[in-house]
Amino acid sequence: MTQAVMSEMERNEVLDVMIANEQSGKLSDAVEGLRGDEREFATSLCAYADDFAIQTRQRVRRIIHQHPEAYPAILSLLRTVLKWI
């Protein structure tokens, strides 16, 4: 099997998405206690966290869709970054 080689730009893009994914998880955890709170700031923070999570998932899917040949390399890089985090 031929291993896909990612350019530095592609690796940086994957790393940026992984950082965003980690931040999204932390943000979602932080606002979890505000869910159901009817105050404007609480609903606004929850909506922002949800929107950020959706955008991050879309970025991950877009990277995989744009570079299907690099999928094994992307998974390997994701595992490495998750270990670092």
PDB file of N, CA and C in Angstrom:
ATOM      1  N   MET A   1       0.842  -1.171   0.000  1.00  0.00           N
ATOM      2  CA  MET A   1       0.000   0.000   0.000  1.00  0.00           C
ATOM      3  C   MET A   1       0.893   1.242   0.000  1.00  0.00           C
ATOM      4  N   THR A   2       0.570   2.184  -0.839  1.00  0.00           N
ATOM      5  CA  THR A   2       1.324   3.427  -0.920  1.00  0.00           C
ATOM      6  C   THR A   2       0.859   4.361   0.184  1.00  0.00           C
ATOM      7  N   GLN A   3       1.830   4.871   0.938  1.00  0.00           N
ATOM      8  CA  GLN A   3       1.469   5.812   2.002  1.00  0.00           C
ATOM      9  C   GLN A   3       1.374   7.204   1.424  1.00  0.00           C
ATOM     10  N   ALA A   4       0.296   7.882   1.744  1.00  0.00           N
ATOM     11  CA  ALA A   4       0.095   9.241   1.259  1.00  0.00           C
ATOM     12  C   ALA A   4       1.057  10.178   1.968  1.00  0.00           C
ATOM     13  N   VAL A   5       1.602  11.106   1.211  1.00  0.00           N
ATOM     14  CA  VAL A   5       2.505  12.097   1.775  1.00  0.00           C
ATOM     15  C   VAL A   5       1.787  13.438   1.774  1.00  0.00           C
ATOM     16  N   MET A   6       1.754  14.055   2.927  1.00  0.00           N
ATOM     17  CA  MET A   6       1.072  15.335   3.054  1.00  0.00           C
ATOM     18  C   MET A   6       2.096  16.458   2.970  1.00  0.00           C
ATOM     19  N   SER A   7       1.706  17.526   2.329  1.00  0.00           N
ATOM     20  CA  SER A   7       2.568  18.701   2.269  1.00  0.00           C
ATOM     21  C   SER A   7       2.566  19.382   3.632  1.00  0.00           C
ATOM     22  N   GLU A   8       3.501  20.271   3.840  1.00  0.00           N
ATOM     23  CA  GLU A   8       3.553  21.005   5.107  1.00  0.00           C
ATOM     24  C   GLU A   8       2.280  21.810   5.312  1.00  0.00           C
ATOM     25  N   MET A   9       1.764  22.394   4.238  1.00  0.00           N
ATOM     26  CA  MET A   9       0.534  23.173   4.333  1.00  0.00           C
ATOM     27  C   MET A   9      -0.637  22.282   4.761  1.00  0.00           C
ATOM     28  N   GLU A  10      -0.723  21.085   4.203  1.00  0.00           N
ATOM     29  CA  GLU A  10      -1.796  20.161   4.565  1.00  0.00           C
ATOM     30  C   GLU A  10      -1.660  19.718   6.022  1.00  0.00           C
ATOM     31  N   ARG A  11      -0.432  19.445   6.443  1.00  0.00           N
ATOM     32  CA  ARG A  11      -0.212  19.065   7.842  1.00  0.00           C
ATOM     33  C   ARG A  11      -0.610  20.198   8.775  1.00  0.00           C
ATOM     34  N   ASN A  12      -0.263  21.418   8.409  1.00  0.00           N
ATOM     35  CA  ASN A  12      -0.637  22.577   9.228  1.00  0.00           C
ATOM     36  C   ASN A  12      -2.148  22.735   9.289  1.00  0.00           C
ATOM     37  N   GLU A  13      -2.811  22.481   8.161  1.00  0.00           N
ATOM     38  CA  GLU A  13      -4.270  22.579   8.126  1.00  0.00           C
ATOM     39  C   GLU A  13      -4.892  21.532   9.049  1.00  0.00           C
ATOM     40  N   VAL A  14      -4.372  20.310   9.018  1.00  0.00           N
ATOM     41  CA  VAL A  14      -4.882  19.259   9.900  1.00  0.00           C
ATOM     42  C   VAL A  14      -4.613  19.618  11.356  1.00  0.00           C
ATOM     43  N   LEU A  15      -3.425  20.130  11.634  1.00  0.00           N
ATOM     44  CA  LEU A  15      -3.100  20.533  13.000  1.00  0.00           C
ATOM     45  C   LEU A  15      -4.031  21.648  13.475  1.00  0.00           C
ATOM     46  N   ASP A  16      -4.291  22.619  12.617  1.00  0.00           N
ATOM     47  CA  ASP A  16      -5.223  23.706  12.969  1.00  0.00           C
ATOM     48  C   ASP A  16      -6.608  23.155  13.280  1.00  0.00           C
ATOM     49  N   VAL A  17      -7.052  22.189  12.490  1.00  0.00           N
ATOM     50  CA  VAL A  17      -8.368  21.601  12.716  1.00  0.00           C
ATOM     51  C   VAL A  17      -8.383  20.823  14.026  1.00  0.00           C
ATOM     52  N   MET A  18      -7.286  20.125  14.333  1.00  0.00           N
ATOM     53  CA  MET A  18      -7.230  19.380  15.586  1.00  0.00           C
ATOM     54  C   MET A  18      -7.249  20.325  16.786  1.00  0.00           C
ATOM     55  N   ILE A  19      -6.535  21.429  16.679  1.00  0.00           N
ATOM     56  CA  ILE A  19      -6.554  22.420  17.758  1.00  0.00           C
ATOM     57  C   ILE A  19      -7.969  22.981  17.910  1.00  0.00           C
ATOM     58  N   ALA A  20      -8.601  23.301  16.787  1.00  0.00           N
ATOM     59  CA  ALA A  20      -9.979  23.807  16.834  1.00  0.00           C
ATOM     60  C   ALA A  20     -10.909  22.764  17.440  1.00  0.00           C
ATOM     61  N   ASN A  21     -10.689  21.495  17.111  1.00  0.00           N
ATOM     62  CA  ASN A  21     -11.515  20.421  17.649  1.00  0.00           C
ATOM     63  C   ASN A  21     -11.363  20.335  19.169  1.00  0.00           C
ATOM     64  N   GLU A  22     -10.139  20.438  19.651  1.00  0.00           N
ATOM     65  CA  GLU A  22      -9.894  20.415  21.094  1.00  0.00           C
ATOM     66  C   GLU A  22     -10.548  21.623  21.770  1.00  0.00           C
ATOM     67  N   GLN A  23     -10.398  22.791  21.162  1.00  0.00           N
ATOM     68  CA  GLN A  23     -11.015  23.996  21.710  1.00  0.00           C
ATOM     69  C   GLN A  23     -12.533  23.883  21.711  1.00  0.00           C
ATOM     70  N   SER A  24     -13.069  23.294  20.663  1.00  0.00           N
ATOM     71  CA  SER A  24     -14.514  23.109  20.571  1.00  0.00           C
ATOM     72  C   SER A  24     -15.018  22.223  21.699  1.00  0.00           C
ATOM     73  N   GLY A  25     -14.293  21.148  21.964  1.00  0.00           N
ATOM     74  CA  GLY A  25     -14.684  20.257  23.056  1.00  0.00           C
ATOM     75  C   GLY A  25     -14.658  20.959  24.403  1.00  0.00           C
ATOM     76  N   LYS A  26     -13.604  21.734  24.639  1.00  0.00           N
ATOM     77  CA  LYS A  26     -13.503  22.473  25.903  1.00  0.00           C
ATOM     78  C   LYS A  26     -14.611  23.515  26.022  1.00  0.00           C
ATOM     79  N   LEU A  27     -14.897  24.205  24.921  1.00  0.00           N
ATOM     80  CA  LEU A  27     -15.956  25.209  24.931  1.00  0.00           C
ATOM     81  C   LEU A  27     -17.311  24.560  25.192  1.00  0.00           C
ATOM     82  N   SER A  28     -17.576  23.443  24.542  1.00  0.00           N
ATOM     83  CA  SER A  28     -18.841  22.734  24.753  1.00  0.00           C
ATOM     84  C   SER A  28     -18.984  22.293  26.202  1.00  0.00           C
ATOM     85  N   ASP A  29     -17.892  21.771  26.777  1.00  0.00           N
ATOM     86  CA  ASP A  29     -17.927  21.361  28.186  1.00  0.00           C
ATOM     87  C   ASP A  29     -18.185  22.557  29.098  1.00  0.00           C
ATOM     88  N   ALA A  30     -17.559  23.692  28.778  1.00  0.00           N
ATOM     89  CA  ALA A  30     -17.688  24.880  29.610  1.00  0.00           C
ATOM     90  C   ALA A  30     -19.104  25.439  29.614  1.00  0.00           C
ATOM     91  N   VAL A  31     -19.813  25.345  28.510  1.00  0.00           N
ATOM     92  CA  VAL A  31     -21.168  25.914  28.452  1.00  0.00           C
ATOM     93  C   VAL A  31     -22.249  24.897  28.781  1.00  0.00           C
ATOM     94  N   GLU A  32     -21.866  23.657  29.005  1.00  0.00           N
ATOM     95  CA  GLU A  32     -22.872  22.617  29.249  1.00  0.00           C
ATOM     96  C   GLU A  32     -23.797  22.975  30.418  1.00  0.00           C
ATOM     97  N   GLY A  33     -23.247  23.561  31.458  1.00  0.00           N
ATOM     98  CA  GLY A  33     -24.063  23.942  32.603  1.00  0.00           C
ATOM     99  C   GLY A  33     -25.029  25.083  32.314  1.00  0.00           C
ATOM    100  N   LEU A  34     -24.813  25.795  31.211  1.00  0.00           N
ATOM    101  CA  LEU A  34     -25.688  26.915  30.846  1.00  0.00           C
ATOM    102  C   LEU A  34     -26.851  26.495  29.952  1.00  0.00           C
ATOM    103  N   ARG A  35     -26.803  25.266  29.467  1.00  0.00           N
ATOM    104  CA  ARG A  35     -27.884  24.819  28.577  1.00  0.00           C
ATOM    105  C   ARG A  35     -29.207  24.805  29.334  1.00  0.00           C
ATOM    106  N   GLY A  36     -30.213  25.348  28.733  1.00  0.00           N
ATOM    107  CA  GLY A  36     -31.517  25.436  29.367  1.00  0.00           C
ATOM    108  C   GLY A  36     -31.717  26.741  30.123  1.00  0.00           C
ATOM    109  N   ASP A  37     -30.628  27.470  30.338  1.00  0.00           N
ATOM    110  CA  ASP A  37     -30.720  28.778  30.992  1.00  0.00           C
ATOM    111  C   ASP A  37     -31.306  29.750  29.972  1.00  0.00           C
ATOM    112  N   GLU A  38     -32.332  30.466  30.346  1.00  0.00           N
ATOM    113  CA  GLU A  38     -33.042  31.338  29.416  1.00  0.00           C
ATOM    114  C   GLU A  38     -32.428  32.730  29.269  1.00  0.00           C
ATOM    115  N   ARG A  39     -31.413  33.028  30.071  1.00  0.00           N
ATOM    116  CA  ARG A  39     -30.810  34.360  29.980  1.00  0.00           C
ATOM    117  C   ARG A  39     -30.090  34.505  28.638  1.00  0.00           C
ATOM    118  N   GLU A  40     -30.111  35.729  28.139  1.00  0.00           N
ATOM    119  CA  GLU A  40     -29.577  35.995  26.805  1.00  0.00           C
ATOM    120  C   GLU A  40     -28.109  35.603  26.670  1.00  0.00           C
ATOM    121  N   PHE A  41     -27.284  35.938  27.650  1.00  0.00           N
ATOM    122  CA  PHE A  41     -25.865  35.619  27.527  1.00  0.00           C
ATOM    123  C   PHE A  41     -25.643  34.114  27.504  1.00  0.00           C
ATOM    124  N   ALA A  42     -26.438  33.359  28.263  1.00  0.00           N
ATOM    125  CA  ALA A  42     -26.292  31.907  28.312  1.00  0.00           C
ATOM    126  C   ALA A  42     -26.677  31.278  26.970  1.00  0.00           C
ATOM    127  N   THR A  43     -27.797  31.698  26.421  1.00  0.00           N
ATOM    128  CA  THR A  43     -28.217  31.142  25.129  1.00  0.00           C
ATOM    129  C   THR A  43     -27.241  31.534  24.024  1.00  0.00           C
ATOM    130  N   SER A  44     -26.702  32.743  24.122  1.00  0.00           N
ATOM    131  CA  SER A  44     -25.729  33.199  23.129  1.00  0.00           C
ATOM    132  C   SER A  44     -24.447  32.370  23.192  1.00  0.00           C
ATOM    133  N   LEU A  45     -23.949  32.113  24.393  1.00  0.00           N
ATOM    134  CA  LEU A  45     -22.731  31.303  24.542  1.00  0.00           C
ATOM    135  C   LEU A  45     -22.950  29.874  24.046  1.00  0.00           C
ATOM    136  N   CYS A  46     -24.091  29.306  24.358  1.00  0.00           N
ATOM    137  CA  CYS A  46     -24.399  27.938  23.906  1.00  0.00           C
ATOM    138  C   CYS A  46     -24.503  27.892  22.384  1.00  0.00           C
ATOM    139  N   ALA A  47     -25.150  28.889  21.808  1.00  0.00           N
ATOM    140  CA  ALA A  47     -25.280  28.938  20.347  1.00  0.00           C
ATOM    141  C   ALA A  47     -23.912  29.071  19.694  1.00  0.00           C
ATOM    142  N   TYR A  48     -23.046  29.901  20.280  1.00  0.00           N
ATOM    143  CA  TYR A  48     -21.701  30.058  19.734  1.00  0.00           C
ATOM    144  C   TYR A  48     -20.936  28.740  19.821  1.00  0.00           C
ATOM    145  N   ALA A  49     -21.009  28.060  20.946  1.00  0.00           N
ATOM    146  CA  ALA A  49     -20.310  26.780  21.116  1.00  0.00           C
ATOM    147  C   ALA A  49     -20.817  25.754  20.107  1.00  0.00           C
ATOM    148  N   ASP A  50     -22.125  25.703  19.908  1.00  0.00           N
ATOM    149  CA  ASP A  50     -22.707  24.761  18.944  1.00  0.00           C
ATOM    150  C   ASP A  50     -22.265  25.086  17.521  1.00  0.00           C
ATOM    151  N   ASP A  51     -22.268  26.370  17.168  1.00  0.00           N
ATOM    152  CA  ASP A  51     -21.859  26.785  15.837  1.00  0.00           C
ATOM    153  C   ASP A  51     -20.381  26.463  15.599  1.00  0.00           C
ATOM    154  N   PHE A  52     -19.550  26.715  16.602  1.00  0.00           N
ATOM    155  CA  PHE A  52     -18.127  26.424  16.486  1.00  0.00           C
ATOM    156  C   PHE A  52     -17.896  24.924  16.291  1.00  0.00           C
ATOM    157  N   ALA A  53     -18.640  24.098  17.019  1.00  0.00           N
ATOM    158  CA  ALA A  53     -18.519  22.640  16.888  1.00  0.00           C
ATOM    159  C   ALA A  53     -18.928  22.187  15.488  1.00  0.00           C
ATOM    160  N   ILE A  54     -20.000  22.749  14.956  1.00  0.00           N
ATOM    161  CA  ILE A  54     -20.454  22.392  13.606  1.00  0.00           C
ATOM    162  C   ILE A  54     -19.406  22.792  12.572  1.00  0.00           C
ATOM    163  N   GLN A  55     -18.881  23.999  12.684  1.00  0.00           N
ATOM    164  CA  GLN A  55     -17.864  24.455  11.730  1.00  0.00           C
ATOM    165  C   GLN A  55     -16.611  23.585  11.793  1.00  0.00           C
ATOM    166  N   THR A  56     -16.225  23.173  12.992  1.00  0.00           N
ATOM    167  CA  THR A  56     -15.040  22.331  13.145  1.00  0.00           C
ATOM    168  C   THR A  56     -15.265  20.972  12.497  1.00  0.00           C
ATOM    169  N   ARG A  57     -16.417  20.365  12.736  1.00  0.00           N
ATOM    170  CA  ARG A  57     -16.727  19.072  12.100  1.00  0.00           C
ATOM    171  C   ARG A  57     -16.718  19.202  10.580  1.00  0.00           C
ATOM    172  N   GLN A  58     -17.274  20.305  10.072  1.00  0.00           N
ATOM    173  CA  GLN A  58     -17.288  20.512   8.626  1.00  0.00           C
ATOM    174  C   GLN A  58     -15.870  20.647   8.072  1.00  0.00           C
ATOM    175  N   ARG A  59     -14.998  21.313   8.810  1.00  0.00           N
ATOM    176  CA  ARG A  59     -13.611  21.459   8.369  1.00  0.00           C
ATOM    177  C   ARG A  59     -12.919  20.098   8.299  1.00  0.00           C
ATOM    178  N   VAL A  60     -13.154  19.249   9.306  1.00  0.00           N
ATOM    179  CA  VAL A  60     -12.566  17.905   9.303  1.00  0.00           C
ATOM    180  C   VAL A  60     -13.069  17.118   8.096  1.00  0.00           C
ATOM    181  N   ARG A  61     -14.363  17.151   7.868  1.00  0.00           N
ATOM    182  CA  ARG A  61     -14.935  16.422   6.719  1.00  0.00           C
ATOM    183  C   ARG A  61     -14.394  16.952   5.394  1.00  0.00           C
ATOM    184  N   ARG A  62     -14.248  18.269   5.304  1.00  0.00           N
ATOM    185  CA  ARG A  62     -13.745  18.884   4.069  1.00  0.00           C
ATOM    186  C   ARG A  62     -12.308  18.441   3.789  1.00  0.00           C
ATOM    187  N   ILE A  63     -11.481  18.395   4.815  1.00  0.00           N
ATOM    188  CA  ILE A  63     -10.091  17.959   4.636  1.00  0.00           C
ATOM    189  C   ILE A  63     -10.049  16.518   4.145  1.00  0.00           C
ATOM    190  N   ILE A  64     -10.834  15.665   4.766  1.00  0.00           N
ATOM    191  CA  ILE A  64     -10.849  14.254   4.361  1.00  0.00           C
ATOM    192  C   ILE A  64     -11.415  14.107   2.954  1.00  0.00           C
ATOM    193  N   HIS A  65     -12.439  14.876   2.634  1.00  0.00           N
ATOM    194  CA  HIS A  65     -13.034  14.812   1.292  1.00  0.00           C
ATOM    195  C   HIS A  65     -12.062  15.319   0.222  1.00  0.00           C
ATOM    196  N   GLN A  66     -11.326  16.382   0.534  1.00  0.00           N
ATOM    197  CA  GLN A  66     -10.393  16.955  -0.427  1.00  0.00           C
ATOM    198  C   GLN A  66      -9.157  16.087  -0.629  1.00  0.00           C
ATOM    199  N   HIS A  67      -8.811  15.315   0.372  1.00  0.00           N
ATOM    200  CA  HIS A  67      -7.580  14.518   0.306  1.00  0.00           C
ATOM    201  C   HIS A  67      -7.844  13.064   0.697  1.00  0.00           C
ATOM    202  N   PRO A  68      -8.708  12.362  -0.043  1.00  0.00           N
ATOM    203  CA  PRO A  68      -9.017  10.980   0.346  1.00  0.00           C
ATOM    204  C   PRO A  68      -7.787  10.076   0.293  1.00  0.00           C
ATOM    205  N   GLU A  69      -6.842  10.390  -0.592  1.00  0.00           N
ATOM    206  CA  GLU A  69      -5.628   9.578  -0.684  1.00  0.00           C
ATOM    207  C   GLU A  69      -4.746   9.749   0.545  1.00  0.00           C
ATOM    208  N   ALA A  70      -4.929  10.847   1.260  1.00  0.00           N
ATOM    209  CA  ALA A  70      -4.123  11.124   2.448  1.00  0.00           C
ATOM    210  C   ALA A  70      -4.828  10.686   3.732  1.00  0.00           C
ATOM    211  N   TYR A  71      -5.964  10.033   3.583  1.00  0.00           N
ATOM    212  CA  TYR A  71      -6.749   9.650   4.759  1.00  0.00           C
ATOM    213  C   TYR A  71      -5.929   8.887   5.802  1.00  0.00           C
ATOM    214  N   PRO A  72      -5.123   7.873   5.403  1.00  0.00           N
ATOM    215  CA  PRO A  72      -4.302   7.178   6.413  1.00  0.00           C
ATOM    216  C   PRO A  72      -3.319   8.118   7.116  1.00  0.00           C
ATOM    217  N   ALA A  73      -2.721   9.012   6.361  1.00  0.00           N
ATOM    218  CA  ALA A  73      -1.779   9.958   6.963  1.00  0.00           C
ATOM    219  C   ALA A  73      -2.507  10.928   7.884  1.00  0.00           C
ATOM    220  N   ILE A  74      -3.705  11.346   7.497  1.00  0.00           N
ATOM    221  CA  ILE A  74      -4.493  12.251   8.334  1.00  0.00           C
ATOM    222  C   ILE A  74      -4.844  11.565   9.643  1.00  0.00           C
ATOM    223  N   LEU A  75      -5.276  10.314   9.572  1.00  0.00           N
ATOM    224  CA  LEU A  75      -5.609   9.585  10.795  1.00  0.00           C
ATOM    225  C   LEU A  75      -4.392   9.431  11.695  1.00  0.00           C
ATOM    226  N   SER A  76      -3.263   9.129  11.098  1.00  0.00           N
ATOM    227  CA  SER A  76      -2.030   8.993  11.872  1.00  0.00           C
ATOM    228  C   SER A  76      -1.682  10.308  12.565  1.00  0.00           C
ATOM    229  N   LEU A  77      -1.782  11.405  11.834  1.00  0.00           N
ATOM    230  CA  LEU A  77      -1.486  12.707  12.407  1.00  0.00           C
ATOM    231  C   LEU A  77      -2.486  13.066  13.500  1.00  0.00           C
ATOM    232  N   LEU A  78      -3.759  12.743  13.288  1.00  0.00           N
ATOM    233  CA  LEU A  78      -4.769  13.019  14.301  1.00  0.00           C
ATOM    234  C   LEU A  78      -4.468  12.262  15.585  1.00  0.00           C
ATOM    235  N   ARG A  79      -4.084  10.998  15.458  1.00  0.00           N
ATOM    236  CA  ARG A  79      -3.742  10.207  16.647  1.00  0.00           C
ATOM    237  C   ARG A  79      -2.552  10.812  17.384  1.00  0.00           C
ATOM    238  N   THR A  80      -1.542  11.231  16.636  1.00  0.00           N
ATOM    239  CA  THR A  80      -0.350  11.830  17.246  1.00  0.00           C
ATOM    240  C   THR A  80      -0.709  13.109  17.975  1.00  0.00           C
ATOM    241  N   VAL A  81      -1.494  13.961  17.335  1.00  0.00           N
ATOM    242  CA  VAL A  81      -1.872  15.240  17.952  1.00  0.00           C
ATOM    243  C   VAL A  81      -2.715  14.993  19.194  1.00  0.00           C
ATOM    244  N   LEU A  82      -3.627  14.033  19.135  1.00  0.00           N
ATOM    245  CA  LEU A  82      -4.450  13.730  20.307  1.00  0.00           C
ATOM    246  C   LEU A  82      -3.595  13.254  21.484  1.00  0.00           C
ATOM    247  N   LYS A  83      -2.538  12.516  21.193  1.00  0.00           N
ATOM    248  CA  LYS A  83      -1.634  12.084  22.267  1.00  0.00           C
ATOM    249  C   LYS A  83      -0.939  13.285  22.884  1.00  0.00           C
ATOM    250  N   TRP A  84      -0.539  14.243  22.046  1.00  0.00           N
ATOM    251  CA  TRP A  84       0.118  15.447  22.550  1.00  0.00           C
ATOM    252  C   TRP A  84      -0.821  16.232  23.448  1.00  0.00           C
ATOM    253  N   ILE A  85      -2.071  16.320  23.030  1.00  0.00           N
ATOM    254  CA  ILE A  85      -3.050  17.123  23.765  1.00  0.00           C
ATOM    255  C   ILE A  85      -3.445  16.370  25.016  1.00  0.00           C
TER     256      ILE A  85
END
